[in-house]
Amino acid sequence: MSERFPFLGRETIYRDGERAGYITSGGWGYTIGAAVGMGYVRAEPAISREELLSSLYELEVATERVPCQVTLSPLYDSKREKVLA
């Protein structure tokens, strides 16, 4: 996720400074107030969930590398706490 950069798809994902995958689709997440991108991270040999989430990630957006957060959890407000606030 990024607060300043929209994702269109095919942006390169860097994991710990190395190319690791790409964004397959992206757009603005109105419910979370940030750009959202979905993509794939490749790792050989395979890594654990903990390794995946503890790594540092960046995206290359318009030739600039920007930090991003990775999550395996849904990005919506399932309890409707923000909607009902």
N, C-alpha and C. Protein backbone atom coordinates (compact mmCIF):
# COMPACT_ATOMS: atom_id res chain seq x y z
N MET A 1 0.84 -1.17 0.00
CA MET A 1 0.00 0.00 0.00
C MET A 1 0.89 1.23 0.00
N SER A 2 0.39 2.27 -0.60
CA SER A 2 1.12 3.53 -0.64
C SER A 2 0.11 4.66 -0.54
N GLU A 3 0.48 5.72 0.15
CA GLU A 3 -0.43 6.85 0.29
C GLU A 3 -0.30 7.86 -0.84
N ARG A 4 0.83 7.86 -1.58
CA ARG A 4 1.00 8.89 -2.60
C ARG A 4 1.06 8.39 -4.02
N PHE A 5 1.25 7.13 -4.24
CA PHE A 5 1.43 6.64 -5.60
C PHE A 5 0.32 5.68 -6.00
N PRO A 6 -0.37 5.95 -7.11
CA PRO A 6 -1.35 4.99 -7.60
C PRO A 6 -0.65 3.87 -8.37
N PHE A 7 -1.18 2.68 -8.27
CA PHE A 7 -0.61 1.54 -8.98
C PHE A 7 -1.52 1.17 -10.14
N LEU A 8 -0.93 0.91 -11.27
CA LEU A 8 -1.69 0.55 -12.45
C LEU A 8 -1.54 -0.91 -12.81
N GLY A 9 -0.50 -1.53 -12.33
CA GLY A 9 -0.19 -2.92 -12.66
C GLY A 9 1.14 -3.01 -13.37
N ARG A 10 1.82 -4.12 -13.18
CA ARG A 10 3.13 -4.42 -13.77
C ARG A 10 4.27 -3.65 -13.12
N GLU A 11 4.05 -2.98 -11.97
CA GLU A 11 5.15 -2.37 -11.24
C GLU A 11 5.99 -3.48 -10.61
N THR A 12 7.30 -3.29 -10.60
CA THR A 12 8.20 -4.29 -10.04
C THR A 12 8.18 -4.24 -8.52
N ILE A 13 8.12 -5.41 -7.90
CA ILE A 13 8.20 -5.54 -6.45
C ILE A 13 9.63 -5.93 -6.10
N TYR A 14 10.24 -5.20 -5.16
CA TYR A 14 11.56 -5.53 -4.65
C TYR A 14 11.41 -6.03 -3.22
N ARG A 15 12.03 -7.17 -2.94
CA ARG A 15 12.04 -7.73 -1.59
C ARG A 15 13.47 -7.71 -1.10
N ASP A 16 13.72 -6.98 -0.01
CA ASP A 16 15.06 -6.83 0.54
C ASP A 16 16.06 -6.40 -0.54
N GLY A 17 15.63 -5.48 -1.40
CA GLY A 17 16.50 -4.91 -2.42
C GLY A 17 16.63 -5.69 -3.71
N GLU A 18 16.04 -6.88 -3.79
CA GLU A 18 16.13 -7.72 -4.99
C GLU A 18 14.78 -7.81 -5.68
N ARG A 19 14.78 -7.84 -7.01
CA ARG A 19 13.52 -8.02 -7.75
C ARG A 19 12.89 -9.34 -7.34
N ALA A 20 11.60 -9.28 -7.01
CA ALA A 20 10.95 -10.48 -6.50
C ALA A 20 9.59 -10.76 -7.13
N GLY A 21 9.07 -9.84 -7.91
CA GLY A 21 7.75 -10.05 -8.50
C GLY A 21 7.21 -8.78 -9.11
N TYR A 22 5.90 -8.74 -9.28
CA TYR A 22 5.28 -7.57 -9.89
C TYR A 22 3.83 -7.44 -9.43
N ILE A 23 3.33 -6.22 -9.54
CA ILE A 23 1.94 -5.93 -9.22
C ILE A 23 1.09 -6.37 -10.41
N THR A 24 0.00 -7.10 -10.14
CA THR A 24 -0.87 -7.54 -11.23
C THR A 24 -2.02 -6.57 -11.45
N SER A 25 -2.44 -5.88 -10.41
CA SER A 25 -3.50 -4.87 -10.55
C SER A 25 -3.40 -3.90 -9.40
N GLY A 26 -3.96 -2.74 -9.60
CA GLY A 26 -3.89 -1.73 -8.55
C GLY A 26 -4.96 -0.68 -8.72
N GLY A 27 -5.12 0.13 -7.71
CA GLY A 27 -6.09 1.21 -7.73
C GLY A 27 -6.12 1.89 -6.38
N TRP A 28 -7.08 2.77 -6.20
CA TRP A 28 -7.21 3.51 -4.95
C TRP A 28 -8.15 2.76 -4.02
N GLY A 29 -7.74 2.52 -2.78
CA GLY A 29 -8.57 1.87 -1.78
C GLY A 29 -9.31 2.93 -0.98
N TYR A 30 -10.52 3.25 -1.37
CA TYR A 30 -11.27 4.33 -0.73
C TYR A 30 -11.54 4.05 0.75
N THR A 31 -11.76 2.81 1.10
CA THR A 31 -12.06 2.51 2.50
C THR A 31 -10.85 2.60 3.40
N ILE A 32 -9.64 2.49 2.84
CA ILE A 32 -8.44 2.59 3.66
C ILE A 32 -7.65 3.87 3.38
N GLY A 33 -8.04 4.63 2.36
CA GLY A 33 -7.40 5.90 2.07
C GLY A 33 -5.98 5.80 1.56
N ALA A 34 -5.70 4.77 0.76
CA ALA A 34 -4.35 4.59 0.22
C ALA A 34 -4.43 3.80 -1.08
N ALA A 35 -3.37 3.90 -1.86
CA ALA A 35 -3.28 3.09 -3.08
C ALA A 35 -3.06 1.64 -2.68
N VAL A 36 -3.67 0.74 -3.44
CA VAL A 36 -3.58 -0.69 -3.15
C VAL A 36 -3.14 -1.41 -4.41
N GLY A 37 -2.20 -2.30 -4.25
CA GLY A 37 -1.78 -3.13 -5.38
C GLY A 37 -1.75 -4.59 -4.96
N MET A 38 -2.14 -5.45 -5.86
CA MET A 38 -2.06 -6.90 -5.61
C MET A 38 -1.04 -7.48 -6.55
N GLY A 39 -0.22 -8.37 -6.05
CA GLY A 39 0.82 -8.93 -6.90
C GLY A 39 1.37 -10.23 -6.35
N TYR A 40 2.42 -10.68 -7.00
CA TYR A 40 3.07 -11.94 -6.66
C TYR A 40 4.51 -11.69 -6.26
N VAL A 41 4.97 -12.40 -5.23
CA VAL A 41 6.37 -12.37 -4.81
C VAL A 41 6.91 -13.79 -5.00
N ARG A 42 7.96 -13.91 -5.80
CA ARG A 42 8.60 -15.21 -6.02
C ARG A 42 9.79 -15.36 -5.08
N ALA A 43 10.01 -16.58 -4.63
CA ALA A 43 11.17 -16.86 -3.78
C ALA A 43 11.60 -18.30 -3.99
N GLU A 44 12.87 -18.48 -4.30
CA GLU A 44 13.42 -19.83 -4.43
C GLU A 44 14.70 -19.92 -3.61
N PRO A 45 14.78 -20.83 -2.68
CA PRO A 45 13.74 -21.79 -2.33
C PRO A 45 12.56 -21.09 -1.67
N ALA A 46 11.47 -21.79 -1.53
CA ALA A 46 10.27 -21.22 -0.93
C ALA A 46 10.56 -20.71 0.48
N ILE A 47 9.86 -19.64 0.87
CA ILE A 47 10.05 -19.05 2.20
C ILE A 47 8.77 -19.20 3.01
N SER A 48 8.91 -19.06 4.30
CA SER A 48 7.76 -19.17 5.20
C SER A 48 6.95 -17.88 5.20
N ARG A 49 5.76 -17.96 5.73
CA ARG A 49 4.89 -16.79 5.87
C ARG A 49 5.60 -15.72 6.70
N GLU A 50 6.28 -16.15 7.78
CA GLU A 50 6.98 -15.20 8.65
C GLU A 50 8.10 -14.48 7.89
N GLU A 51 8.86 -15.22 7.08
CA GLU A 51 9.91 -14.60 6.27
C GLU A 51 9.33 -13.61 5.27
N LEU A 52 8.23 -14.00 4.65
CA LEU A 52 7.58 -13.13 3.67
C LEU A 52 7.17 -11.81 4.31
N LEU A 53 6.53 -11.89 5.46
CA LEU A 53 6.02 -10.69 6.12
C LEU A 53 7.09 -9.87 6.82
N SER A 54 8.22 -10.46 7.16
CA SER A 54 9.27 -9.71 7.87
C SER A 54 10.25 -9.03 6.92
N SER A 55 10.14 -9.26 5.64
CA SER A 55 11.04 -8.64 4.66
C SER A 55 10.67 -7.19 4.43
N LEU A 56 11.62 -6.43 3.86
CA LEU A 56 11.37 -5.04 3.48
C LEU A 56 11.01 -5.00 2.00
N TYR A 57 9.97 -4.24 1.66
CA TYR A 57 9.48 -4.20 0.28
C TYR A 57 9.47 -2.78 -0.27
N GLU A 58 9.72 -2.72 -1.58
CA GLU A 58 9.62 -1.47 -2.33
C GLU A 58 8.96 -1.79 -3.67
N LEU A 59 8.37 -0.77 -4.26
CA LEU A 59 7.82 -0.88 -5.60
C LEU A 59 8.52 0.13 -6.49
N GLU A 60 8.70 -0.21 -7.75
CA GLU A 60 9.22 0.76 -8.70
C GLU A 60 8.04 1.36 -9.44
N VAL A 61 7.75 2.62 -9.11
CA VAL A 61 6.62 3.34 -9.69
C VAL A 61 7.15 4.54 -10.44
N ALA A 62 6.94 4.57 -11.75
CA ALA A 62 7.41 5.68 -12.59
C ALA A 62 8.90 5.93 -12.37
N THR A 63 9.69 4.90 -12.41
CA THR A 63 11.16 4.88 -12.26
C THR A 63 11.64 5.26 -10.85
N GLU A 64 10.75 5.40 -9.90
CA GLU A 64 11.13 5.73 -8.52
C GLU A 64 10.78 4.56 -7.61
N ARG A 65 11.70 4.19 -6.73
CA ARG A 65 11.40 3.14 -5.76
C ARG A 65 10.73 3.76 -4.54
N VAL A 66 9.60 3.19 -4.17
CA VAL A 66 8.86 3.68 -3.02
C VAL A 66 8.61 2.53 -2.06
N PRO A 67 8.71 2.78 -0.75
CA PRO A 67 8.46 1.72 0.23
C PRO A 67 6.98 1.34 0.22
N CYS A 68 6.70 0.11 0.56
CA CYS A 68 5.31 -0.33 0.63
C CYS A 68 5.15 -1.34 1.76
N GLN A 69 3.92 -1.59 2.12
CA GLN A 69 3.60 -2.56 3.16
C GLN A 69 3.00 -3.79 2.49
N VAL A 70 3.27 -4.93 3.04
CA VAL A 70 2.72 -6.18 2.54
C VAL A 70 1.79 -6.75 3.59
N THR A 71 0.65 -7.23 3.15
CA THR A 71 -0.29 -7.89 4.06
C THR A 71 -0.91 -9.09 3.37
N LEU A 72 -1.22 -10.08 4.13
CA LEU A 72 -1.94 -11.24 3.62
C LEU A 72 -3.39 -11.20 4.11
N SER A 73 -3.73 -10.17 4.87
CA SER A 73 -5.08 -10.02 5.42
C SER A 73 -5.93 -9.15 4.51
N PRO A 74 -7.24 -9.29 4.59
CA PRO A 74 -8.13 -8.43 3.80
C PRO A 74 -7.95 -6.96 4.18
N LEU A 75 -8.15 -6.07 3.23
CA LEU A 75 -7.96 -4.64 3.49
C LEU A 75 -9.28 -3.91 3.72
N TYR A 76 -10.35 -4.62 3.90
CA TYR A 76 -11.63 -3.95 4.12
C TYR A 76 -12.00 -3.96 5.59
N ASP A 77 -12.95 -3.13 5.93
CA ASP A 77 -13.41 -2.97 7.30
C ASP A 77 -14.54 -3.97 7.56
N SER A 78 -14.17 -5.21 7.87
CA SER A 78 -15.16 -6.28 7.97
C SER A 78 -16.17 -6.09 9.11
N LYS A 79 -15.80 -5.34 10.14
CA LYS A 79 -16.73 -5.09 11.26
C LYS A 79 -17.50 -3.79 11.07
N ARG A 80 -17.26 -3.10 9.97
CA ARG A 80 -17.94 -1.84 9.62
C ARG A 80 -17.70 -0.75 10.67
N GLU A 81 -16.57 -0.81 11.37
CA GLU A 81 -16.29 0.17 12.39
C GLU A 81 -16.07 1.56 11.80
N LYS A 82 -15.38 1.65 10.67
CA LYS A 82 -15.14 2.96 10.06
C LYS A 82 -16.41 3.51 9.40
N VAL A 83 -17.20 2.64 8.82
CA VAL A 83 -18.42 3.06 8.14
C VAL A 83 -19.42 3.63 9.14
N LEU A 84 -19.50 3.02 10.31
CA LEU A 84 -20.48 3.44 11.31
C LEU A 84 -19.97 4.52 12.26
N ALA A 85 -18.72 4.94 12.11
CA ALA A 85 -18.15 5.96 13.00
C ALA A 85 -18.73 7.33 12.75
